Amino acid sequence: MTDAATRAAEVLREHRESIDRLDAILVYTLGERFKHTQAVGKLKAEHDLPPSDPAREAQQIARLEDLAQRADLDPEFAKKFLNFIIAEVIQHHEKQQG
């Protein structure tokens, strides 16, 4: 390999190692988040509260869009991601109440 190709391969490896670490952080963060949402679901079920809270969800989506803009992340992607998580959480809460 040429020096440029060797350096490019090294940089690529470094980027991939960073991506792998960040993927692990995302998975553990989501795991922790779902522990809390499961506790919320249990609390809602015990007190006969609705499984979803549209006002809170709208507030969270707006908050995440703002965070995404500040993080130079596509706000539409962030919104889709949070909507996916919210749908999953609501599904879990509905199961806990059923």
PDB file of N, CA and C in Angstrom:
ATOM      1  N   MET A   1       0.837  -1.192   0.000  1.00  0.00           N
ATOM      2  CA  MET A   1       0.000   0.000   0.000  1.00  0.00           C
ATOM      3  C   MET A   1       0.876   1.248   0.000  1.00  0.00           C
ATOM      4  N   THR A   2       0.319   2.278  -0.576  1.00  0.00           N
ATOM      5  CA  THR A   2       1.045   3.549  -0.543  1.00  0.00           C
ATOM      6  C   THR A   2       0.877   4.164   0.837  1.00  0.00           C
ATOM      7  N   ASP A   3       1.690   5.163   1.122  1.00  0.00           N
ATOM      8  CA  ASP A   3       1.579   5.853   2.412  1.00  0.00           C
ATOM      9  C   ASP A   3       0.202   6.466   2.594  1.00  0.00           C
ATOM     10  N   ALA A   4      -0.357   7.048   1.521  1.00  0.00           N
ATOM     11  CA  ALA A   4      -1.689   7.669   1.594  1.00  0.00           C
ATOM     12  C   ALA A   4      -2.759   6.613   1.851  1.00  0.00           C
ATOM     13  N   ALA A   5      -2.650   5.478   1.192  1.00  0.00           N
ATOM     14  CA  ALA A   5      -3.626   4.402   1.381  1.00  0.00           C
ATOM     15  C   ALA A   5      -3.504   3.806   2.778  1.00  0.00           C
ATOM     16  N   THR A   6      -2.283   3.676   3.268  1.00  0.00           N
ATOM     17  CA  THR A   6      -2.067   3.162   4.622  1.00  0.00           C
ATOM     18  C   THR A   6      -2.667   4.109   5.652  1.00  0.00           C
ATOM     19  N   ARG A   7      -2.436   5.380   5.464  1.00  0.00           N
ATOM     20  CA  ARG A   7      -2.998   6.392   6.383  1.00  0.00           C
ATOM     21  C   ARG A   7      -4.523   6.390   6.312  1.00  0.00           C
ATOM     22  N   ALA A   8      -5.067   6.276   5.106  1.00  0.00           N
ATOM     23  CA  ALA A   8      -6.533   6.247   4.946  1.00  0.00           C
ATOM     24  C   ALA A   8      -7.114   5.023   5.655  1.00  0.00           C
ATOM     25  N   ALA A   9      -6.454   3.883   5.548  1.00  0.00           N
ATOM     26  CA  ALA A   9      -6.925   2.670   6.219  1.00  0.00           C
ATOM     27  C   ALA A   9      -6.881   2.845   7.742  1.00  0.00           C
ATOM     28  N   GLU A  10      -5.869   3.508   8.241  1.00  0.00           N
ATOM     29  CA  GLU A  10      -5.742   3.768   9.673  1.00  0.00           C
ATOM     30  C   GLU A  10      -6.856   4.707  10.151  1.00  0.00           C
ATOM     31  N   VAL A  11      -7.110   5.758   9.399  1.00  0.00           N
ATOM     32  CA  VAL A  11      -8.169   6.704   9.755  1.00  0.00           C
ATOM     33  C   VAL A  11      -9.530   6.011   9.713  1.00  0.00           C
ATOM     34  N   LEU A  12      -9.747   5.178   8.711  1.00  0.00           N
ATOM     35  CA  LEU A  12     -10.993   4.427   8.602  1.00  0.00           C
ATOM     36  C   LEU A  12     -11.178   3.517   9.822  1.00  0.00           C
ATOM     37  N   ARG A  13     -10.126   2.839  10.217  1.00  0.00           N
ATOM     38  CA  ARG A  13     -10.183   1.969  11.394  1.00  0.00           C
ATOM     39  C   ARG A  13     -10.524   2.772  12.643  1.00  0.00           C
ATOM     40  N   GLU A  14      -9.923   3.944  12.797  1.00  0.00           N
ATOM     41  CA  GLU A  14     -10.203   4.802  13.959  1.00  0.00           C
ATOM     42  C   GLU A  14     -11.661   5.257  13.976  1.00  0.00           C
ATOM     43  N   HIS A  15     -12.171   5.639  12.812  1.00  0.00           N
ATOM     44  CA  HIS A  15     -13.582   6.045  12.732  1.00  0.00           C
ATOM     45  C   HIS A  15     -14.490   4.878  13.101  1.00  0.00           C
ATOM     46  N   ARG A  16     -14.187   3.708  12.598  1.00  0.00           N
ATOM     47  CA  ARG A  16     -15.024   2.539  12.883  1.00  0.00           C
ATOM     48  C   ARG A  16     -14.972   2.162  14.359  1.00  0.00           C
ATOM     49  N   GLU A  17     -13.816   2.295  14.974  1.00  0.00           N
ATOM     50  CA  GLU A  17     -13.720   2.029  16.414  1.00  0.00           C
ATOM     51  C   GLU A  17     -14.582   3.015  17.192  1.00  0.00           C
ATOM     52  N   SER A  18     -14.567   4.278  16.796  1.00  0.00           N
ATOM     53  CA  SER A  18     -15.408   5.288  17.449  1.00  0.00           C
ATOM     54  C   SER A  18     -16.888   4.974  17.241  1.00  0.00           C
ATOM     55  N   ILE A  19     -17.250   4.597  16.033  1.00  0.00           N
ATOM     56  CA  ILE A  19     -18.640   4.226  15.747  1.00  0.00           C
ATOM     57  C   ILE A  19     -19.063   3.051  16.615  1.00  0.00           C
ATOM     58  N   ASP A  20     -18.213   2.051  16.739  1.00  0.00           N
ATOM     59  CA  ASP A  20     -18.538   0.882  17.569  1.00  0.00           C
ATOM     60  C   ASP A  20     -18.749   1.278  19.031  1.00  0.00           C
ATOM     61  N   ARG A  21     -17.900   2.168  19.558  1.00  0.00           N
ATOM     62  CA  ARG A  21     -18.066   2.638  20.939  1.00  0.00           C
ATOM     63  C   ARG A  21     -19.371   3.406  21.090  1.00  0.00           C
ATOM     64  N   LEU A  22     -19.672   4.265  20.127  1.00  0.00           N
ATOM     65  CA  LEU A  22     -20.912   5.044  20.183  1.00  0.00           C
ATOM     66  C   LEU A  22     -22.141   4.150  20.064  1.00  0.00           C
ATOM     67  N   ASP A  23     -22.073   3.115  19.236  1.00  0.00           N
ATOM     68  CA  ASP A  23     -23.194   2.168  19.153  1.00  0.00           C
ATOM     69  C   ASP A  23     -23.435   1.499  20.500  1.00  0.00           C
ATOM     70  N   ALA A  24     -22.370   1.137  21.187  1.00  0.00           N
ATOM     71  CA  ALA A  24     -22.510   0.529  22.511  1.00  0.00           C
ATOM     72  C   ALA A  24     -23.144   1.515  23.488  1.00  0.00           C
ATOM     73  N   ILE A  25     -22.716   2.772  23.431  1.00  0.00           N
ATOM     74  CA  ILE A  25     -23.300   3.800  24.297  1.00  0.00           C
ATOM     75  C   ILE A  25     -24.790   3.943  24.011  1.00  0.00           C
ATOM     76  N   LEU A  26     -25.167   3.961  22.736  1.00  0.00           N
ATOM     77  CA  LEU A  26     -26.579   4.081  22.365  1.00  0.00           C
ATOM     78  C   LEU A  26     -27.402   2.915  22.917  1.00  0.00           C
ATOM     79  N   VAL A  27     -26.897   1.710  22.772  1.00  0.00           N
ATOM     80  CA  VAL A  27     -27.632   0.529  23.244  1.00  0.00           C
ATOM     81  C   VAL A  27     -27.797   0.564  24.754  1.00  0.00           C
ATOM     82  N   TYR A  28     -26.728   0.848  25.484  1.00  0.00           N
ATOM     83  CA  TYR A  28     -26.832   0.908  26.947  1.00  0.00           C
ATOM     84  C   TYR A  28     -27.717   2.071  27.393  1.00  0.00           C
ATOM     85  N   THR A  29     -27.653   3.195  26.683  1.00  0.00           N
ATOM     86  CA  THR A  29     -28.501   4.344  27.005  1.00  0.00           C
ATOM     87  C   THR A  29     -29.965   4.006  26.779  1.00  0.00           C
ATOM     88  N   LEU A  30     -30.267   3.359  25.660  1.00  0.00           N
ATOM     89  CA  LEU A  30     -31.648   2.950  25.404  1.00  0.00           C
ATOM     90  C   LEU A  30     -32.122   1.940  26.448  1.00  0.00           C
ATOM     91  N   GLY A  31     -31.253   1.033  26.835  1.00  0.00           N
ATOM     92  CA  GLY A  31     -31.602   0.071  27.888  1.00  0.00           C
ATOM     93  C   GLY A  31     -31.964   0.786  29.179  1.00  0.00           C
ATOM     94  N   GLU A  32     -31.182   1.761  29.557  1.00  0.00           N
ATOM     95  CA  GLU A  32     -31.449   2.534  30.779  1.00  0.00           C
ATOM     96  C   GLU A  32     -32.744   3.330  30.639  1.00  0.00           C
ATOM     97  N   ARG A  33     -32.956   3.914  29.481  1.00  0.00           N
ATOM     98  CA  ARG A  33     -34.174   4.690  29.241  1.00  0.00           C
ATOM     99  C   ARG A  33     -35.402   3.796  29.379  1.00  0.00           C
ATOM    100  N   PHE A  34     -35.349   2.593  28.795  1.00  0.00           N
ATOM    101  CA  PHE A  34     -36.489   1.695  28.859  1.00  0.00           C
ATOM    102  C   PHE A  34     -36.725   1.157  30.271  1.00  0.00           C
ATOM    103  N   LYS A  35     -35.700   1.068  31.090  1.00  0.00           N
ATOM    104  CA  LYS A  35     -35.919   0.700  32.502  1.00  0.00           C
ATOM    105  C   LYS A  35     -36.813   1.741  33.166  1.00  0.00           C
ATOM    106  N   HIS A  36     -36.549   3.008  32.873  1.00  0.00           N
ATOM    107  CA  HIS A  36     -37.352   4.084  33.470  1.00  0.00           C
ATOM    108  C   HIS A  36     -38.761   4.115  32.888  1.00  0.00           C
ATOM    109  N   THR A  37     -38.880   3.907  31.573  1.00  0.00           N
ATOM    110  CA  THR A  37     -40.221   3.933  30.991  1.00  0.00           C
ATOM    111  C   THR A  37     -41.042   2.735  31.458  1.00  0.00           C
ATOM    112  N   GLN A  38     -40.394   1.610  31.741  1.00  0.00           N
ATOM    113  CA  GLN A  38     -41.124   0.461  32.296  1.00  0.00           C
ATOM    114  C   GLN A  38     -41.647   0.806  33.688  1.00  0.00           C
ATOM    115  N   ALA A  39     -40.832   1.498  34.468  1.00  0.00           N
ATOM    116  CA  ALA A  39     -41.274   1.922  35.806  1.00  0.00           C
ATOM    117  C   ALA A  39     -42.437   2.910  35.702  1.00  0.00           C
ATOM    118  N   VAL A  40     -42.371   3.802  34.730  1.00  0.00           N
ATOM    119  CA  VAL A  40     -43.471   4.744  34.502  1.00  0.00           C
ATOM    120  C   VAL A  40     -44.731   3.977  34.115  1.00  0.00           C
ATOM    121  N   GLY A  41     -44.590   2.999  33.253  1.00  0.00           N
ATOM    122  CA  GLY A  41     -45.731   2.184  32.836  1.00  0.00           C
ATOM    123  C   GLY A  41     -46.365   1.463  33.999  1.00  0.00           C
ATOM    124  N   LYS A  42     -45.537   0.931  34.884  1.00  0.00           N
ATOM    125  CA  LYS A  42     -46.051   0.236  36.069  1.00  0.00           C
ATOM    126  C   LYS A  42     -46.820   1.212  36.959  1.00  0.00           C
ATOM    127  N   LEU A  43     -46.248   2.384  37.159  1.00  0.00           N
ATOM    128  CA  LEU A  43     -46.900   3.410  37.971  1.00  0.00           C
ATOM    129  C   LEU A  43     -48.232   3.826  37.354  1.00  0.00           C
ATOM    130  N   LYS A  44     -48.254   4.011  36.039  1.00  0.00           N
ATOM    131  CA  LYS A  44     -49.490   4.377  35.352  1.00  0.00           C
ATOM    132  C   LYS A  44     -50.538   3.275  35.504  1.00  0.00           C
ATOM    133  N   ALA A  45     -50.123   2.031  35.362  1.00  0.00           N
ATOM    134  CA  ALA A  45     -51.061   0.911  35.495  1.00  0.00           C
ATOM    135  C   ALA A  45     -51.618   0.834  36.912  1.00  0.00           C
ATOM    136  N   GLU A  46     -50.769   1.031  37.910  1.00  0.00           N
ATOM    137  CA  GLU A  46     -51.205   0.963  39.308  1.00  0.00           C
ATOM    138  C   GLU A  46     -52.203   2.066  39.650  1.00  0.00           C
ATOM    139  N   HIS A  47     -52.112   3.195  38.963  1.00  0.00           N
ATOM    140  CA  HIS A  47     -52.964   4.348  39.280  1.00  0.00           C
ATOM    141  C   HIS A  47     -53.980   4.637  38.181  1.00  0.00           C
ATOM    142  N   ASP A  48     -54.162   3.657  37.291  1.00  0.00           N
ATOM    143  CA  ASP A  48     -55.152   3.751  36.218  1.00  0.00           C
ATOM    144  C   ASP A  48     -55.004   5.033  35.393  1.00  0.00           C
ATOM    145  N   LEU A  49     -53.764   5.350  35.065  1.00  0.00           N
ATOM    146  CA  LEU A  49     -53.469   6.509  34.221  1.00  0.00           C
ATOM    147  C   LEU A  49     -53.350   6.044  32.773  1.00  0.00           C
ATOM    148  N   PRO A  50     -53.656   6.905  31.807  1.00  0.00           N
ATOM    149  CA  PRO A  50     -53.576   6.489  30.399  1.00  0.00           C
ATOM    150  C   PRO A  50     -52.143   6.133  29.997  1.00  0.00           C
ATOM    151  N   PRO A  51     -51.999   5.168  29.084  1.00  0.00           N
ATOM    152  CA  PRO A  51     -50.658   4.737  28.675  1.00  0.00           C
ATOM    153  C   PRO A  51     -49.889   5.797  27.897  1.00  0.00           C
ATOM    154  N   SER A  52     -50.589   6.739  27.281  1.00  0.00           N
ATOM    155  CA  SER A  52     -49.882   7.792  26.545  1.00  0.00           C
ATOM    156  C   SER A  52     -50.242   9.153  27.121  1.00  0.00           C
ATOM    157  N   ASP A  53     -49.345  10.096  26.894  1.00  0.00           N
ATOM    158  CA  ASP A  53     -49.527  11.477  27.356  1.00  0.00           C
ATOM    159  C   ASP A  53     -49.169  12.382  26.177  1.00  0.00           C
ATOM    160  N   PRO A  54     -50.156  12.661  25.297  1.00  0.00           N
ATOM    161  CA  PRO A  54     -49.860  13.421  24.076  1.00  0.00           C
ATOM    162  C   PRO A  54     -49.182  14.772  24.328  1.00  0.00           C
ATOM    163  N   ALA A  55     -49.549  15.461  25.395  1.00  0.00           N
ATOM    164  CA  ALA A  55     -48.913  16.758  25.672  1.00  0.00           C
ATOM    165  C   ALA A  55     -47.427  16.568  25.976  1.00  0.00           C
ATOM    166  N   ARG A  56     -47.103  15.594  26.795  1.00  0.00           N
ATOM    167  CA  ARG A  56     -45.700  15.314  27.125  1.00  0.00           C
ATOM    168  C   ARG A  56     -44.942  14.877  25.877  1.00  0.00           C
ATOM    169  N   GLU A  57     -45.578  14.032  25.066  1.00  0.00           N
ATOM    170  CA  GLU A  57     -44.923  13.545  23.856  1.00  0.00           C
ATOM    171  C   GLU A  57     -44.604  14.701  22.912  1.00  0.00           C
ATOM    172  N   ALA A  58     -45.553  15.618  22.730  1.00  0.00           N
ATOM    173  CA  ALA A  58     -45.319  16.779  21.862  1.00  0.00           C
ATOM    174  C   ALA A  58     -44.191  17.646  22.415  1.00  0.00           C
ATOM    175  N   GLN A  59     -44.181  17.813  23.733  1.00  0.00           N
ATOM    176  CA  GLN A  59     -43.126  18.603  24.389  1.00  0.00           C
ATOM    177  C   GLN A  59     -41.760  17.954  24.167  1.00  0.00           C
ATOM    178  N   GLN A  60     -41.703  16.634  24.302  1.00  0.00           N
ATOM    179  CA  GLN A  60     -40.443  15.921  24.128  1.00  0.00           C
ATOM    180  C   GLN A  60     -39.963  15.982  22.680  1.00  0.00           C
ATOM    181  N   ILE A  61     -40.884  15.881  21.742  1.00  0.00           N
ATOM    182  CA  ILE A  61     -40.499  15.955  20.329  1.00  0.00           C
ATOM    183  C   ILE A  61     -39.918  17.333  20.027  1.00  0.00           C
ATOM    184  N   ALA A  62     -40.567  18.379  20.499  1.00  0.00           N
ATOM    185  CA  ALA A  62     -40.056  19.743  20.282  1.00  0.00           C
ATOM    186  C   ALA A  62     -38.682  19.907  20.928  1.00  0.00           C
ATOM    187  N   ARG A  63     -38.524  19.376  22.127  1.00  0.00           N
ATOM    188  CA  ARG A  63     -37.240  19.458  22.841  1.00  0.00           C
ATOM    189  C   ARG A  63     -36.149  18.726  22.063  1.00  0.00           C
ATOM    190  N   LEU A  64     -36.479  17.538  21.567  1.00  0.00           N
ATOM    191  CA  LEU A  64     -35.490  16.749  20.833  1.00  0.00           C
ATOM    192  C   LEU A  64     -35.129  17.411  19.504  1.00  0.00           C
ATOM    193  N   GLU A  65     -36.113  18.011  18.838  1.00  0.00           N
ATOM    194  CA  GLU A  65     -35.811  18.732  17.590  1.00  0.00           C
ATOM    195  C   GLU A  65     -34.834  19.872  17.861  1.00  0.00           C
ATOM    196  N   ASP A  66     -35.038  20.585  18.960  1.00  0.00           N
ATOM    197  CA  ASP A  66     -34.124  21.671  19.321  1.00  0.00           C
ATOM    198  C   ASP A  66     -32.730  21.129  19.620  1.00  0.00           C
ATOM    199  N   LEU A  67     -32.665  20.060  20.396  1.00  0.00           N
ATOM    200  CA  LEU A  67     -31.367  19.443  20.692  1.00  0.00           C
ATOM    201  C   LEU A  67     -30.678  18.982  19.411  1.00  0.00           C
ATOM    202  N   ALA A  68     -31.453  18.393  18.508  1.00  0.00           N
ATOM    203  CA  ALA A  68     -30.884  17.908  17.246  1.00  0.00           C
ATOM    204  C   ALA A  68     -30.278  19.054  16.445  1.00  0.00           C
ATOM    205  N   GLN A  69     -30.992  20.165  16.374  1.00  0.00           N
ATOM    206  CA  GLN A  69     -30.460  21.309  15.634  1.00  0.00           C
ATOM    207  C   GLN A  69     -29.149  21.780  16.247  1.00  0.00           C
ATOM    208  N   ARG A  70     -29.103  21.821  17.575  1.00  0.00           N
ATOM    209  CA  ARG A  70     -27.872  22.275  18.241  1.00  0.00           C
ATOM    210  C   ARG A  70     -26.737  21.273  18.068  1.00  0.00           C
ATOM    211  N   ALA A  71     -27.089  20.001  17.880  1.00  0.00           N
ATOM    212  CA  ALA A  71     -26.080  18.951  17.711  1.00  0.00           C
ATOM    213  C   ALA A  71     -25.728  18.719  16.243  1.00  0.00           C
ATOM    214  N   ASP A  72     -26.282  19.553  15.365  1.00  0.00           N
ATOM    215  CA  ASP A  72     -26.053  19.421  13.923  1.00  0.00           C
ATOM    216  C   ASP A  72     -26.522  18.060  13.416  1.00  0.00           C
ATOM    217  N   LEU A  73     -27.698  17.634  13.924  1.00  0.00           N
ATOM    218  CA  LEU A  73     -28.342  16.388  13.504  1.00  0.00           C
ATOM    219  C   LEU A  73     -29.656  16.767  12.840  1.00  0.00           C
ATOM    220  N   ASP A  74     -30.014  16.093  11.787  1.00  0.00           N
ATOM    221  CA  ASP A  74     -31.257  16.371  11.082  1.00  0.00           C
ATOM    222  C   ASP A  74     -32.437  16.260  12.058  1.00  0.00           C
ATOM    223  N   PRO A  75     -33.158  17.356  12.318  1.00  0.00           N
ATOM    224  CA  PRO A  75     -34.279  17.330  13.257  1.00  0.00           C
ATOM    225  C   PRO A  75     -35.375  16.355  12.852  1.00  0.00           C
ATOM    226  N   GLU A  76     -35.578  16.152  11.553  1.00  0.00           N
ATOM    227  CA  GLU A  76     -36.597  15.190  11.108  1.00  0.00           C
ATOM    228  C   GLU A  76     -36.194  13.772  11.497  1.00  0.00           C
ATOM    229  N   PHE A  77     -34.919  13.464  11.381  1.00  0.00           N
ATOM    230  CA  PHE A  77     -34.434  12.150  11.814  1.00  0.00           C
ATOM    231  C   PHE A  77     -34.650  11.988  13.309  1.00  0.00           C
ATOM    232  N   ALA A  78     -34.304  13.010  14.072  1.00  0.00           N
ATOM    233  CA  ALA A  78     -34.478  12.951  15.530  1.00  0.00           C
ATOM    234  C   ALA A  78     -35.948  12.757  15.885  1.00  0.00           C
ATOM    235  N   LYS A  79     -36.826  13.448  15.175  1.00  0.00           N
ATOM    236  CA  LYS A  79     -38.266  13.335  15.429  1.00  0.00           C
ATOM    237  C   LYS A  79     -38.749  11.913  15.121  1.00  0.00           C
ATOM    238  N   LYS A  80     -38.332  11.355  14.003  1.00  0.00           N
ATOM    239  CA  LYS A  80     -38.715   9.984  13.646  1.00  0.00           C
ATOM    240  C   LYS A  80     -38.198   8.995  14.688  1.00  0.00           C
ATOM    241  N   PHE A  81     -36.979   9.203  15.137  1.00  0.00           N
ATOM    242  CA  PHE A  81     -36.377   8.317  16.127  1.00  0.00           C
ATOM    243  C   PHE A  81     -37.166   8.366  17.433  1.00  0.00           C
ATOM    244  N   LEU A  82     -37.493   9.571  17.897  1.00  0.00           N
ATOM    245  CA  LEU A  82     -38.244   9.688  19.141  1.00  0.00           C
ATOM    246  C   LEU A  82     -39.659   9.140  18.985  1.00  0.00           C
ATOM    247  N   ASN A  83     -40.291   9.381  17.848  1.00  0.00           N
ATOM    248  CA  ASN A  83     -41.624   8.820  17.615  1.00  0.00           C
ATOM    249  C   ASN A  83     -41.599   7.299  17.670  1.00  0.00           C
ATOM    250  N   PHE A  84     -40.551   6.690  17.141  1.00  0.00           N
ATOM    251  CA  PHE A  84     -40.400   5.238  17.208  1.00  0.00           C
ATOM    252  C   PHE A  84     -40.296   4.772  18.664  1.00  0.00           C
ATOM    253  N   ILE A  85     -39.478   5.464  19.444  1.00  0.00           N
ATOM    254  CA  ILE A  85     -39.309   5.111  20.857  1.00  0.00           C
ATOM    255  C   ILE A  85     -40.623   5.304  21.611  1.00  0.00           C
ATOM    256  N   ILE A  86     -41.301   6.418  21.370  1.00  0.00           N
ATOM    257  CA  ILE A  86     -42.570   6.688  22.052  1.00  0.00           C
ATOM    258  C   ILE A  86     -43.586   5.594  21.733  1.00  0.00           C
ATOM    259  N   ALA A  87     -43.679   5.195  20.480  1.00  0.00           N
ATOM    260  CA  ALA A  87     -44.618   4.139  20.094  1.00  0.00           C
ATOM    261  C   ALA A  87     -44.304   2.838  20.830  1.00  0.00           C
ATOM    262  N   GLU A  88     -43.041   2.528  20.956  1.00  0.00           N
ATOM    263  CA  GLU A  88     -42.627   1.309  21.668  1.00  0.00           C
ATOM    264  C   GLU A  88     -42.989   1.407  23.150  1.00  0.00           C
ATOM    265  N   VAL A  89     -42.745   2.556  23.740  1.00  0.00           N
ATOM    266  CA  VAL A  89     -43.061   2.769  25.159  1.00  0.00           C
ATOM    267  C   VAL A  89     -44.568   2.643  25.396  1.00  0.00           C
ATOM    268  N   ILE A  90     -45.364   3.274  24.538  1.00  0.00           N
ATOM    269  CA  ILE A  90     -46.818   3.197  24.693  1.00  0.00           C
ATOM    270  C   ILE A  90     -47.289   1.756  24.580  1.00  0.00           C
ATOM    271  N   GLN A  91     -46.724   1.018  23.644  1.00  0.00           N
ATOM    272  CA  GLN A  91     -47.072  -0.398  23.499  1.00  0.00           C
ATOM    273  C   GLN A  91     -46.772  -1.161  24.787  1.00  0.00           C
ATOM    274  N   HIS A  92     -45.631  -0.907  25.394  1.00  0.00           N
ATOM    275  CA  HIS A  92     -45.282  -1.562  26.665  1.00  0.00           C
ATOM    276  C   HIS A  92     -46.265  -1.161  27.755  1.00  0.00           C
ATOM    277  N   HIS A  93     -46.627   0.127  27.808  1.00  0.00           N
ATOM    278  CA  HIS A  93     -47.548   0.604  28.836  1.00  0.00           C
ATOM    279  C   HIS A  93     -48.924  -0.033  28.641  1.00  0.00           C
ATOM    280  N   GLU A  94     -49.371  -0.167  27.422  1.00  0.00           N
ATOM    281  CA  GLU A  94     -50.661  -0.798  27.165  1.00  0.00           C
ATOM    282  C   GLU A  94     -50.651  -2.264  27.611  1.00  0.00           C
ATOM    283  N   LYS A  95     -49.546  -2.961  27.384  1.00  0.00           N
ATOM    284  CA  LYS A  95     -49.428  -4.360  27.835  1.00  0.00           C
ATOM    285  C   LYS A  95     -49.481  -4.434  29.364  1.00  0.00           C
ATOM    286  N   GLN A  96     -48.858  -3.476  30.028  1.00  0.00           N
ATOM    287  CA  GLN A  96     -48.841  -3.482  31.488  1.00  0.00           C
ATOM    288  C   GLN A  96     -50.239  -3.232  32.057  1.00  0.00           C
ATOM    289  N   GLN A  97     -51.061  -2.522  31.311  1.00  0.00           N
ATOM    290  CA  GLN A  97     -52.410  -2.222  31.792  1.00  0.00           C
ATOM    291  C   GLN A  97     -53.396  -3.327  31.427  1.00  0.00           C
ATOM    292  N   GLY A  98     -53.031  -4.142  30.450  1.00  0.00           N
ATOM    293  CA  GLY A  98     -53.937  -5.159  29.939  1.00  0.00           C
ATOM    294  C   GLY A  98     -53.972  -6.358  30.797  1.00  0.00           C
TER     295      GLY A  98
END
